[in-house]
Amino acid sequence: MANSRKLRFEYVKNFEQPDVLLPSTWIVVRIDGRGFHKLSDHYSFVKPNDRRALDLMNRAAVEVMKDLPDLCIAYGVSDEFSFVFHPNSQLFERRNGKLVTTIVSTFTAYYIYLWSEYFPSTPLKPPYLPSFDGRAVVYPNIRILRDYMSWRQVDCHINNLYNTTFWTMVLQGGMKNTDAEQELKGTVSADKNEILFKRFGVNYNNELEIYKKGSVLYRQYELEEPKATQIDQEPQPSVENQSRSQQDKIRKLRRKAQVVVDHVDIIKDEFWERRPWILSGTPGKLPV
């Protein structure tokens, strides 16, 4: 009787649509804070950058990286983070919904759990609770993946230079927000640097690297000497051609590696050449 009832209603499964992402492609799951302007104002985040908030974002992202050894690198700035799965990854059979919701929910859980460590005097209260949305995009090769990562870091620099100049004009210069916006309209980087230095004695080059370059998360192995040819090499054959024991061994090696937070240039080749394991998907040698 119970089985017949189950079969009667099982037809609803036909409405589920497959959402498997393209095989042998880089998967980037990018998450963004929802309504973070209101949240940052409510909890009095420091302008233009609140180091506590950035460290909290990085800490939550580190926990996501630890939880999912299939992730090979992540990049974060402000209230966004991009998590990258290697083309060899078969996690959740590469199902879009499972990958995105797992990362978003895990990140949000740790962000809320760790909040009190970074904001001990301002406990979270509804309706100002942090939440994030996410999406997955696939990229066909290493070069395009690197262009995506470079785009995010360039965006970090552009936004931070503008915000640093704007808030310096407002907080130190006593200007109204609308007046600062009007003066900065149409300016280029050189103009903003000149405003900061000549008016306020601020050398933008001396700003912390975390503000200028964002945060790069990866598993740390022994650095290697650059090899000019390795950057454009495509990944090794899919894990479908590896035994289960080989896959388990790789995951164990990844779990043993420390997830580090760096604030470096990822546009130039040197970063990738010295850390070939990020793009190859093969763990390197653990530091002694």
C-alpha atoms as a PDB file:
ATOM      1  CA  MET A   1       0.000   0.000   0.000  1.00  0.00           C
ATOM      2  CA  ALA A   2       2.758   2.397   0.984  1.00  0.00           C
ATOM      3  CA  ASN A   3       4.753   1.548  -2.148  1.00  0.00           C
ATOM      4  CA  SER A   4       1.773   2.132  -4.422  1.00  0.00           C
ATOM      5  CA  ARG A   5       1.187   5.549  -2.874  1.00  0.00           C
ATOM      6  CA  LYS A   6       4.854   6.396  -3.344  1.00  0.00           C
ATOM      7  CA  LEU A   7       4.738   5.413  -7.010  1.00  0.00           C
ATOM      8  CA  ARG A   8       1.569   7.444  -7.474  1.00  0.00           C
ATOM      9  CA  PHE A   9       3.329  10.659  -6.510  1.00  0.00           C
ATOM     10  CA  GLU A  10       6.804   9.918  -7.846  1.00  0.00           C
ATOM     11  CA  TYR A  11       5.978  11.498 -11.198  1.00  0.00           C
ATOM     12  CA  VAL A  12       6.836  14.895  -9.674  1.00  0.00           C
ATOM     13  CA  LYS A  13      10.510  13.965  -9.996  1.00  0.00           C
ATOM     14  CA  ASN A  14      10.134  14.442 -13.769  1.00  0.00           C
ATOM     15  CA  PHE A  15       9.991  18.201 -13.168  1.00  0.00           C
ATOM     16  CA  GLU A  16      13.559  18.251 -11.823  1.00  0.00           C
ATOM     17  CA  GLN A  17      15.952  19.525 -14.468  1.00  0.00           C
ATOM     18  CA  PRO A  18      19.585  18.388 -14.766  1.00  0.00           C
ATOM     19  CA  ASP A  19      22.066  21.107 -13.826  1.00  0.00           C
ATOM     20  CA  VAL A  20      25.402  19.372 -14.395  1.00  0.00           C
ATOM     21  CA  LEU A  21      28.166  21.793 -15.362  1.00  0.00           C
ATOM     22  CA  LEU A  22      30.337  21.193 -18.426  1.00  0.00           C
ATOM     23  CA  PRO A  23      33.024  18.547 -17.901  1.00  0.00           C
ATOM     24  CA  SER A  24      36.750  19.354 -17.984  1.00  0.00           C
ATOM     25  CA  THR A  25      36.197  23.057 -17.304  1.00  0.00           C
ATOM     26  CA  TRP A  26      37.218  25.314 -14.452  1.00  0.00           C
ATOM     27  CA  ILE A  27      34.291  26.019 -12.146  1.00  0.00           C
ATOM     28  CA  VAL A  28      34.222  29.356 -10.334  1.00  0.00           C
ATOM     29  CA  VAL A  29      31.631  29.802  -7.606  1.00  0.00           C
ATOM     30  CA  ARG A  30      31.437  33.480  -6.772  1.00  0.00           C
ATOM     31  CA  ILE A  31      29.577  34.606  -3.677  1.00  0.00           C
ATOM     32  CA  ASP A  32      28.516  38.156  -2.795  1.00  0.00           C
ATOM     33  CA  GLY A  33      27.121  39.695   0.353  1.00  0.00           C
ATOM     34  CA  ARG A  34      23.439  40.631   0.223  1.00  0.00           C
ATOM     35  CA  GLY A  35      22.614  44.095   1.492  1.00  0.00           C
ATOM     36  CA  PHE A  36      26.095  44.603   2.926  1.00  0.00           C
ATOM     37  CA  HIS A  37      25.918  48.388   2.591  1.00  0.00           C
ATOM     38  CA  LYS A  38      23.155  48.474   5.182  1.00  0.00           C
ATOM     39  CA  LEU A  39      24.849  45.821   7.294  1.00  0.00           C
ATOM     40  CA  SER A  40      28.203  47.637   7.301  1.00  0.00           C
ATOM     41  CA  ASP A  41      26.517  50.920   8.244  1.00  0.00           C
ATOM     42  CA  HIS A  42      24.517  49.287  11.036  1.00  0.00           C
ATOM     43  CA  TYR A  43      27.585  47.668  12.600  1.00  0.00           C
ATOM     44  CA  SER A  44      29.753  50.750  12.002  1.00  0.00           C
ATOM     45  CA  PHE A  45      32.368  49.244   9.702  1.00  0.00           C
ATOM     46  CA  VAL A  46      35.425  51.478   9.378  1.00  0.00           C
ATOM     47  CA  LYS A  47      35.602  53.388   6.069  1.00  0.00           C
ATOM     48  CA  PRO A  48      37.020  52.822   3.501  1.00  0.00           C
ATOM     49  CA  ASN A  49      38.246  49.424   4.755  1.00  0.00           C
ATOM     50  CA  ASP A  50      37.483  47.579   7.958  1.00  0.00           C
ATOM     51  CA  ARG A  51      40.303  45.139   8.605  1.00  0.00           C
ATOM     52  CA  ARG A  52      38.140  43.142  11.023  1.00  0.00           C
ATOM     53  CA  ALA A  53      35.508  42.559   8.344  1.00  0.00           C
ATOM     54  CA  LEU A  54      38.089  41.530   5.749  1.00  0.00           C
ATOM     55  CA  ASP A  55      39.807  39.161   8.182  1.00  0.00           C
ATOM     56  CA  LEU A  56      36.432  37.627   8.994  1.00  0.00           C
ATOM     57  CA  MET A  57      35.708  37.080   5.286  1.00  0.00           C
ATOM     58  CA  ASN A  58      39.125  35.462   4.862  1.00  0.00           C
ATOM     59  CA  ARG A  59      38.681  33.241   7.913  1.00  0.00           C
ATOM     60  CA  ALA A  60      35.318  31.959   6.682  1.00  0.00           C
ATOM     61  CA  ALA A  61      36.837  31.327   3.242  1.00  0.00           C
ATOM     62  CA  VAL A  62      39.730  29.373   4.781  1.00  0.00           C
ATOM     63  CA  GLU A  63      37.231  27.106   6.519  1.00  0.00           C
ATOM     64  CA  VAL A  64      35.447  26.517   3.201  1.00  0.00           C
ATOM     65  CA  MET A  65      38.776  25.606   1.578  1.00  0.00           C
ATOM     66  CA  LYS A  66      39.547  23.187   4.412  1.00  0.00           C
ATOM     67  CA  ASP A  67      36.103  21.613   4.137  1.00  0.00           C
ATOM     68  CA  LEU A  68      36.319  21.139   0.358  1.00  0.00           C
ATOM     69  CA  PRO A  69      39.741  19.818  -0.742  1.00  0.00           C
ATOM     70  CA  ASP A  70      38.598  19.919  -4.373  1.00  0.00           C
ATOM     71  CA  LEU A  71      39.005  23.722  -4.274  1.00  0.00           C
ATOM     72  CA  CYS A  72      42.387  24.804  -5.625  1.00  0.00           C
ATOM     73  CA  ILE A  73      42.339  28.582  -5.080  1.00  0.00           C
ATOM     74  CA  ALA A  74      40.054  31.383  -3.897  1.00  0.00           C
ATOM     75  CA  TYR A  75      40.155  35.156  -4.243  1.00  0.00           C
ATOM     76  CA  GLY A  76      38.332  37.661  -2.065  1.00  0.00           C
ATOM     77  CA  VAL A  77      37.784  41.398  -1.892  1.00  0.00           C
ATOM     78  CA  SER A  78      35.271  43.447   0.097  1.00  0.00           C
ATOM     79  CA  ASP A  79      32.142  41.275   0.524  1.00  0.00           C
ATOM     80  CA  GLU A  80      32.792  38.863  -2.342  1.00  0.00           C
ATOM     81  CA  PHE A  81      34.779  35.660  -2.771  1.00  0.00           C
ATOM     82  CA  SER A  82      35.512  33.496  -5.793  1.00  0.00           C
ATOM     83  CA  PHE A  83      36.157  29.787  -5.179  1.00  0.00           C
ATOM     84  CA  VAL A  84      37.767  27.752  -7.966  1.00  0.00           C
ATOM     85  CA  PHE A  85      37.290  24.036  -8.635  1.00  0.00           C
ATOM     86  CA  HIS A  86      39.839  22.254 -10.798  1.00  0.00           C
ATOM     87  CA  PRO A  87      38.550  20.780 -14.104  1.00  0.00           C
ATOM     88  CA  ASN A  88      39.269  17.326 -12.689  1.00  0.00           C
ATOM     89  CA  SER A  89      36.843  17.806  -9.812  1.00  0.00           C
ATOM     90  CA  GLN A  90      33.830  15.522  -9.771  1.00  0.00           C
ATOM     91  CA  LEU A  91      32.449  16.801  -6.474  1.00  0.00           C
ATOM     92  CA  PHE A  92      28.653  16.316  -6.348  1.00  0.00           C
ATOM     93  CA  GLU A  93      28.892  15.064  -9.943  1.00  0.00           C
ATOM     94  CA  ARG A  94      29.541  18.742 -10.879  1.00  0.00           C
ATOM     95  CA  ARG A  95      25.924  19.680 -10.165  1.00  0.00           C
ATOM     96  CA  ASN A  96      25.514  23.435 -10.210  1.00  0.00           C
ATOM     97  CA  GLY A  97      22.968  23.708  -7.414  1.00  0.00           C
ATOM     98  CA  LYS A  98      24.854  21.431  -5.030  1.00  0.00           C
ATOM     99  CA  LEU A  99      28.191  23.193  -5.534  1.00  0.00           C
ATOM    100  CA  VAL A 100      26.806  26.709  -5.151  1.00  0.00           C
ATOM    101  CA  THR A 101      24.551  26.017  -2.180  1.00  0.00           C
ATOM    102  CA  THR A 102      27.257  24.056  -0.353  1.00  0.00           C
ATOM    103  CA  ILE A 103      29.765  26.891  -0.654  1.00  0.00           C
ATOM    104  CA  VAL A 104      27.256  29.654   0.146  1.00  0.00           C
ATOM    105  CA  SER A 105      25.808  27.861   3.169  1.00  0.00           C
ATOM    106  CA  THR A 106      29.196  26.755   4.537  1.00  0.00           C
ATOM    107  CA  PHE A 107      30.669  30.227   4.119  1.00  0.00           C
ATOM    108  CA  THR A 108      27.656  31.925   5.724  1.00  0.00           C
ATOM    109  CA  ALA A 109      27.640  29.481   8.638  1.00  0.00           C
ATOM    110  CA  TYR A 110      31.286  30.168   9.456  1.00  0.00           C
ATOM    111  CA  TYR A 111      30.885  33.926   8.904  1.00  0.00           C
ATOM    112  CA  ILE A 112      28.113  34.076  11.494  1.00  0.00           C
ATOM    113  CA  TYR A 113      29.806  31.598  13.855  1.00  0.00           C
ATOM    114  CA  LEU A 114      33.088  33.560  13.839  1.00  0.00           C
ATOM    115  CA  TRP A 115      31.508  37.026  13.942  1.00  0.00           C
ATOM    116  CA  SER A 116      31.953  37.475  17.702  1.00  0.00           C
ATOM    117  CA  GLU A 117      35.723  36.916  17.425  1.00  0.00           C
ATOM    118  CA  TYR A 118      36.093  39.923  15.154  1.00  0.00           C
ATOM    119  CA  PHE A 119      33.231  42.091  16.424  1.00  0.00           C
ATOM    120  CA  PRO A 120      33.014  41.194  20.122  1.00  0.00           C
ATOM    121  CA  SER A 121      31.249  44.412  21.142  1.00  0.00           C
ATOM    122  CA  THR A 122      28.591  44.338  18.407  1.00  0.00           C
ATOM    123  CA  PRO A 123      26.573  41.092  18.467  1.00  0.00           C
ATOM    124  CA  LEU A 124      24.479  40.193  15.453  1.00  0.00           C
ATOM    125  CA  LYS A 125      20.803  41.029  15.707  1.00  0.00           C
ATOM    126  CA  PRO A 126      17.895  40.724  13.245  1.00  0.00           C
ATOM    127  CA  PRO A 127      17.099  42.108  10.766  1.00  0.00           C
ATOM    128  CA  TYR A 128      20.766  42.931  10.118  1.00  0.00           C
ATOM    129  CA  LEU A 129      22.028  39.393   9.645  1.00  0.00           C
ATOM    130  CA  PRO A 130      24.709  38.575   7.038  1.00  0.00           C
ATOM    131  CA  SER A 131      23.709  36.477   4.061  1.00  0.00           C
ATOM    132  CA  PHE A 132      25.281  35.719   0.707  1.00  0.00           C
ATOM    133  CA  ASP A 133      24.165  34.745  -2.769  1.00  0.00           C
ATOM    134  CA  GLY A 134      26.192  32.789  -5.290  1.00  0.00           C
ATOM    135  CA  ARG A 135      26.506  31.664  -8.869  1.00  0.00           C
ATOM    136  CA  ALA A 136      28.698  29.227 -10.795  1.00  0.00           C
ATOM    137  CA  VAL A 137      30.468  30.039 -14.052  1.00  0.00           C
ATOM    138  CA  VAL A 138      32.625  27.651 -16.083  1.00  0.00           C
ATOM    139  CA  TYR A 139      35.770  28.660 -17.950  1.00  0.00           C
ATOM    140  CA  PRO A 140      37.243  26.433 -20.681  1.00  0.00           C
ATOM    141  CA  ASN A 141      40.989  26.893 -20.149  1.00  0.00           C
ATOM    142  CA  ILE A 142      43.716  28.215 -17.886  1.00  0.00           C
ATOM    143  CA  ARG A 143      44.218  31.451 -19.755  1.00  0.00           C
ATOM    144  CA  ILE A 144      40.579  32.496 -19.416  1.00  0.00           C
ATOM    145  CA  LEU A 145      40.516  31.439 -15.764  1.00  0.00           C
ATOM    146  CA  ARG A 146      43.566  33.612 -15.109  1.00  0.00           C
ATOM    147  CA  ASP A 147      41.943  36.492 -16.956  1.00  0.00           C
ATOM    148  CA  TYR A 148      38.946  36.144 -14.637  1.00  0.00           C
ATOM    149  CA  MET A 149      41.181  36.231 -11.553  1.00  0.00           C
ATOM    150  CA  SER A 150      43.089  39.213 -12.975  1.00  0.00           C
ATOM    151  CA  TRP A 151      39.812  41.019 -13.639  1.00  0.00           C
ATOM    152  CA  ARG A 152      38.776  40.662 -10.009  1.00  0.00           C
ATOM    153  CA  GLN A 153      42.140  41.944  -8.761  1.00  0.00           C
ATOM    154  CA  VAL A 154      42.114  44.916 -11.135  1.00  0.00           C
ATOM    155  CA  ASP A 155      38.592  45.681  -9.939  1.00  0.00           C
ATOM    156  CA  CYS A 156      39.863  45.535  -6.345  1.00  0.00           C
ATOM    157  CA  HIS A 157      42.550  48.138  -7.088  1.00  0.00           C
ATOM    158  CA  ILE A 158      40.196  50.485  -8.954  1.00  0.00           C
ATOM    159  CA  ASN A 159      37.502  50.347  -6.273  1.00  0.00           C
ATOM    160  CA  ASN A 160      39.941  50.680  -3.390  1.00  0.00           C
ATOM    161  CA  LEU A 161      41.698  53.705  -4.875  1.00  0.00           C
ATOM    162  CA  TYR A 162      38.347  55.414  -5.419  1.00  0.00           C
ATOM    163  CA  ASN A 163      37.030  54.524  -1.955  1.00  0.00           C
ATOM    164  CA  THR A 164      40.263  55.549  -0.241  1.00  0.00           C
ATOM    165  CA  THR A 165      40.209  58.920  -1.977  1.00  0.00           C
ATOM    166  CA  PHE A 166      36.486  59.464  -1.430  1.00  0.00           C
ATOM    167  CA  TRP A 167      36.493  58.671   2.288  1.00  0.00           C
ATOM    168  CA  THR A 168      39.690  60.639   2.889  1.00  0.00           C
ATOM    169  CA  MET A 169      38.015  63.675   1.323  1.00  0.00           C
ATOM    170  CA  VAL A 170      34.921  63.146   3.461  1.00  0.00           C
ATOM    171  CA  LEU A 171      36.434  62.094   6.798  1.00  0.00           C
ATOM    172  CA  GLN A 172      39.629  64.151   6.765  1.00  0.00           C
ATOM    173  CA  GLY A 173      38.654  66.907   4.381  1.00  0.00           C
ATOM    174  CA  GLY A 174      35.197  67.497   5.819  1.00  0.00           C
ATOM    175  CA  MET A 175      33.503  67.363   2.422  1.00  0.00           C
ATOM    176  CA  LYS A 176      29.923  66.283   1.886  1.00  0.00           C
ATOM    177  CA  ASN A 177      29.456  62.916   0.184  1.00  0.00           C
ATOM    178  CA  THR A 178      27.801  64.484  -2.850  1.00  0.00           C
ATOM    179  CA  ASP A 179      30.574  67.064  -3.241  1.00  0.00           C
ATOM    180  CA  ALA A 180      33.286  64.385  -3.063  1.00  0.00           C
ATOM    181  CA  GLU A 181      31.432  62.269  -5.624  1.00  0.00           C
ATOM    182  CA  GLN A 182      31.113  65.239  -7.968  1.00  0.00           C
ATOM    183  CA  GLU A 183      34.802  66.126  -7.731  1.00  0.00           C
ATOM    184  CA  LEU A 184      35.902  62.546  -8.360  1.00  0.00           C
ATOM    185  CA  LYS A 185      33.629  62.134 -11.384  1.00  0.00           C
ATOM    186  CA  GLY A 186      35.727  61.562 -14.498  1.00  0.00           C
ATOM    187  CA  THR A 187      39.059  61.365 -12.651  1.00  0.00           C
ATOM    188  CA  VAL A 188      41.749  58.795 -13.444  1.00  0.00           C
ATOM    189  CA  SER A 189      44.152  57.011 -11.099  1.00  0.00           C
ATOM    190  CA  ALA A 190      46.781  59.758 -11.324  1.00  0.00           C
ATOM    191  CA  ASP A 191      44.216  62.374 -10.295  1.00  0.00           C
ATOM    192  CA  LYS A 192      43.172  60.401  -7.224  1.00  0.00           C
ATOM    193  CA  ASN A 193      46.773  59.779  -6.205  1.00  0.00           C
ATOM    194  CA  GLU A 194      47.459  63.509  -6.532  1.00  0.00           C
ATOM    195  CA  ILE A 195      44.438  64.405  -4.362  1.00  0.00           C
ATOM    196  CA  LEU A 196      45.546  61.977  -1.663  1.00  0.00           C
ATOM    197  CA  PHE A 197      49.178  63.107  -1.622  1.00  0.00           C
ATOM    198  CA  LYS A 198      48.935  66.855  -2.152  1.00  0.00           C
ATOM    199  CA  ARG A 199      45.908  67.505   0.052  1.00  0.00           C
ATOM    200  CA  PHE A 200      46.301  64.918   2.779  1.00  0.00           C
ATOM    201  CA  GLY A 201      49.899  63.683   2.588  1.00  0.00           C
ATOM    202  CA  VAL A 202      48.722  60.147   1.862  1.00  0.00           C
ATOM    203  CA  ASN A 203      50.922  57.985  -0.353  1.00  0.00           C
ATOM    204  CA  TYR A 204      48.583  55.346  -1.773  1.00  0.00           C
ATOM    205  CA  ASN A 205      51.530  53.010  -2.360  1.00  0.00           C
ATOM    206  CA  ASN A 206      51.923  52.741   1.406  1.00  0.00           C
ATOM    207  CA  GLU A 207      48.401  51.384   1.898  1.00  0.00           C
ATOM    208  CA  LEU A 208      48.218  47.784   3.132  1.00  0.00           C
ATOM    209  CA  GLU A 209      48.472  45.145   0.411  1.00  0.00           C
ATOM    210  CA  ILE A 210      45.252  43.485   1.582  1.00  0.00           C
ATOM    211  CA  TYR A 211      43.389  46.651   0.592  1.00  0.00           C
ATOM    212  CA  LYS A 212      45.137  47.123  -2.751  1.00  0.00           C
ATOM    213  CA  LYS A 213      45.406  43.508  -3.919  1.00  0.00           C
ATOM    214  CA  GLY A 214      42.671  41.629  -2.075  1.00  0.00           C
ATOM    215  CA  SER A 215      43.186  38.168  -0.571  1.00  0.00           C
ATOM    216  CA  VAL A 216      44.402  35.019  -2.311  1.00  0.00           C
ATOM    217  CA  LEU A 217      43.832  31.660  -0.621  1.00  0.00           C
ATOM    218  CA  TYR A 218      45.619  28.477  -1.668  1.00  0.00           C
ATOM    219  CA  ARG A 219      47.217  25.342  -0.245  1.00  0.00           C
ATOM    220  CA  GLN A 220      50.858  25.860   0.623  1.00  0.00           C
ATOM    221  CA  TYR A 221      53.540  23.533  -0.666  1.00  0.00           C
ATOM    222  CA  GLU A 222      57.227  24.151  -1.314  1.00  0.00           C
ATOM    223  CA  LEU A 223      57.670  26.967  -3.801  1.00  0.00           C
ATOM    224  CA  GLU A 224      59.242  26.000  -7.115  1.00  0.00           C
ATOM    225  CA  GLU A 225      61.491  27.792  -9.539  1.00  0.00           C
ATOM    226  CA  PRO A 226      59.575  29.392 -12.442  1.00  0.00           C
ATOM    227  CA  LYS A 227      59.208  27.366 -15.630  1.00  0.00           C
ATOM    228  CA  ALA A 228      58.035  29.390 -18.576  1.00  0.00           C
ATOM    229  CA  THR A 229      56.100  26.554 -20.237  1.00  0.00           C
ATOM    230  CA  GLN A 230      54.009  25.323 -17.335  1.00  0.00           C
ATOM    231  CA  ILE A 231      51.559  28.231 -17.128  1.00  0.00           C
ATOM    232  CA  ASP A 232      49.654  27.390 -20.304  1.00  0.00           C
ATOM    233  CA  GLN A 233      49.701  23.635 -19.838  1.00  0.00           C
ATOM    234  CA  GLU A 234      46.229  22.227 -19.454  1.00  0.00           C
ATOM    235  CA  PRO A 235      45.303  19.955 -16.517  1.00  0.00           C
ATOM    236  CA  GLN A 236      46.003  16.250 -16.417  1.00  0.00           C
ATOM    237  CA  PRO A 237      43.298  13.767 -17.513  1.00  0.00           C
ATOM    238  CA  SER A 238      40.080  13.719 -15.518  1.00  0.00           C
ATOM    239  CA  VAL A 239      39.819  11.909 -12.217  1.00  0.00           C
ATOM    240  CA  GLU A 240      37.422   9.591 -14.000  1.00  0.00           C
ATOM    241  CA  ASN A 241      40.601   7.868 -15.234  1.00  0.00           C
ATOM    242  CA  GLN A 242      42.024   7.617 -11.719  1.00  0.00           C
ATOM    243  CA  SER A 243      41.272   4.837  -9.273  1.00  0.00           C
ATOM    244  CA  ARG A 244      39.314   5.615  -6.129  1.00  0.00           C
ATOM    245  CA  SER A 245      42.457   5.033  -4.065  1.00  0.00           C
ATOM    246  CA  GLN A 246      44.354   7.599  -6.172  1.00  0.00           C
ATOM    247  CA  GLN A 247      41.589  10.143  -5.703  1.00  0.00           C
ATOM    248  CA  ASP A 248      41.503   9.514  -1.942  1.00  0.00           C
ATOM    249  CA  LYS A 249      45.298   9.887  -1.740  1.00  0.00           C
ATOM    250  CA  ILE A 250      45.185  13.263  -3.500  1.00  0.00           C
ATOM    251  CA  ARG A 251      42.420  14.499  -1.199  1.00  0.00           C
ATOM    252  CA  LYS A 252      44.411  13.412   1.860  1.00  0.00           C
ATOM    253  CA  LEU A 253      47.497  15.249   0.594  1.00  0.00           C
ATOM    254  CA  ARG A 254      45.424  18.372   0.031  1.00  0.00           C
ATOM    255  CA  ARG A 255      43.929  18.175   3.508  1.00  0.00           C
ATOM    256  CA  LYS A 256      47.421  17.981   5.019  1.00  0.00           C
ATOM    257  CA  ALA A 257      48.488  21.199   3.313  1.00  0.00           C
ATOM    258  CA  GLN A 258      47.968  24.478   5.146  1.00  0.00           C
ATOM    259  CA  VAL A 259      45.539  26.929   3.575  1.00  0.00           C
ATOM    260  CA  VAL A 260      47.310  30.296   3.505  1.00  0.00           C
ATOM    261  CA  VAL A 261      45.980  33.813   2.988  1.00  0.00           C
ATOM    262  CA  ASP A 262      48.213  35.952   0.784  1.00  0.00           C
ATOM    263  CA  HIS A 263      47.984  39.494  -0.589  1.00  0.00           C
ATOM    264  CA  VAL A 264      50.031  39.333  -3.754  1.00  0.00           C
ATOM    265  CA  ASP A 265      49.928  40.091  -7.457  1.00  0.00           C
ATOM    266  CA  ILE A 266      48.137  37.268  -9.290  1.00  0.00           C
ATOM    267  CA  ILE A 267      48.160  39.039 -12.658  1.00  0.00           C
ATOM    268  CA  LYS A 268      51.837  38.417 -13.374  1.00  0.00           C
ATOM    269  CA  ASP A 269      53.101  34.938 -14.208  1.00  0.00           C
ATOM    270  CA  GLU A 270      55.429  34.617 -11.228  1.00  0.00           C
ATOM    271  CA  PHE A 271      52.687  33.786  -8.727  1.00  0.00           C
ATOM    272  CA  TRP A 272      51.457  30.865 -10.821  1.00  0.00           C
ATOM    273  CA  GLU A 273      54.907  29.679 -11.925  1.00  0.00           C
ATOM    274  CA  ARG A 274      56.114  29.303  -8.337  1.00  0.00           C
ATOM    275  CA  ARG A 275      52.911  27.482  -7.321  1.00  0.00           C
ATOM    276  CA  PRO A 276      52.281  25.072 -10.209  1.00  0.00           C
ATOM    277  CA  TRP A 277      50.123  22.786  -8.056  1.00  0.00           C
ATOM    278  CA  ILE A 278      47.266  25.302  -8.195  1.00  0.00           C
ATOM    279  CA  LEU A 279      46.741  24.849 -11.919  1.00  0.00           C
ATOM    280  CA  SER A 280      48.019  21.285 -12.312  1.00  0.00           C
ATOM    281  CA  GLY A 281      45.775  19.835  -9.623  1.00  0.00           C
ATOM    282  CA  THR A 282      48.661  17.691  -8.369  1.00  0.00           C
ATOM    283  CA  PRO A 283      49.740  18.379  -4.781  1.00  0.00           C
ATOM    284  CA  GLY A 284      53.321  19.554  -4.319  1.00  0.00           C
ATOM    285  CA  LYS A 285      55.792  18.780  -1.550  1.00  0.00           C
ATOM    286  CA  LEU A 286      54.734  19.795   1.933  1.00  0.00           C
ATOM    287  CA  PRO A 287      57.123  22.352   3.496  1.00  0.00           C
ATOM    288  CA  VAL A 288      59.595  20.847   5.963  1.00  0.00           C
END
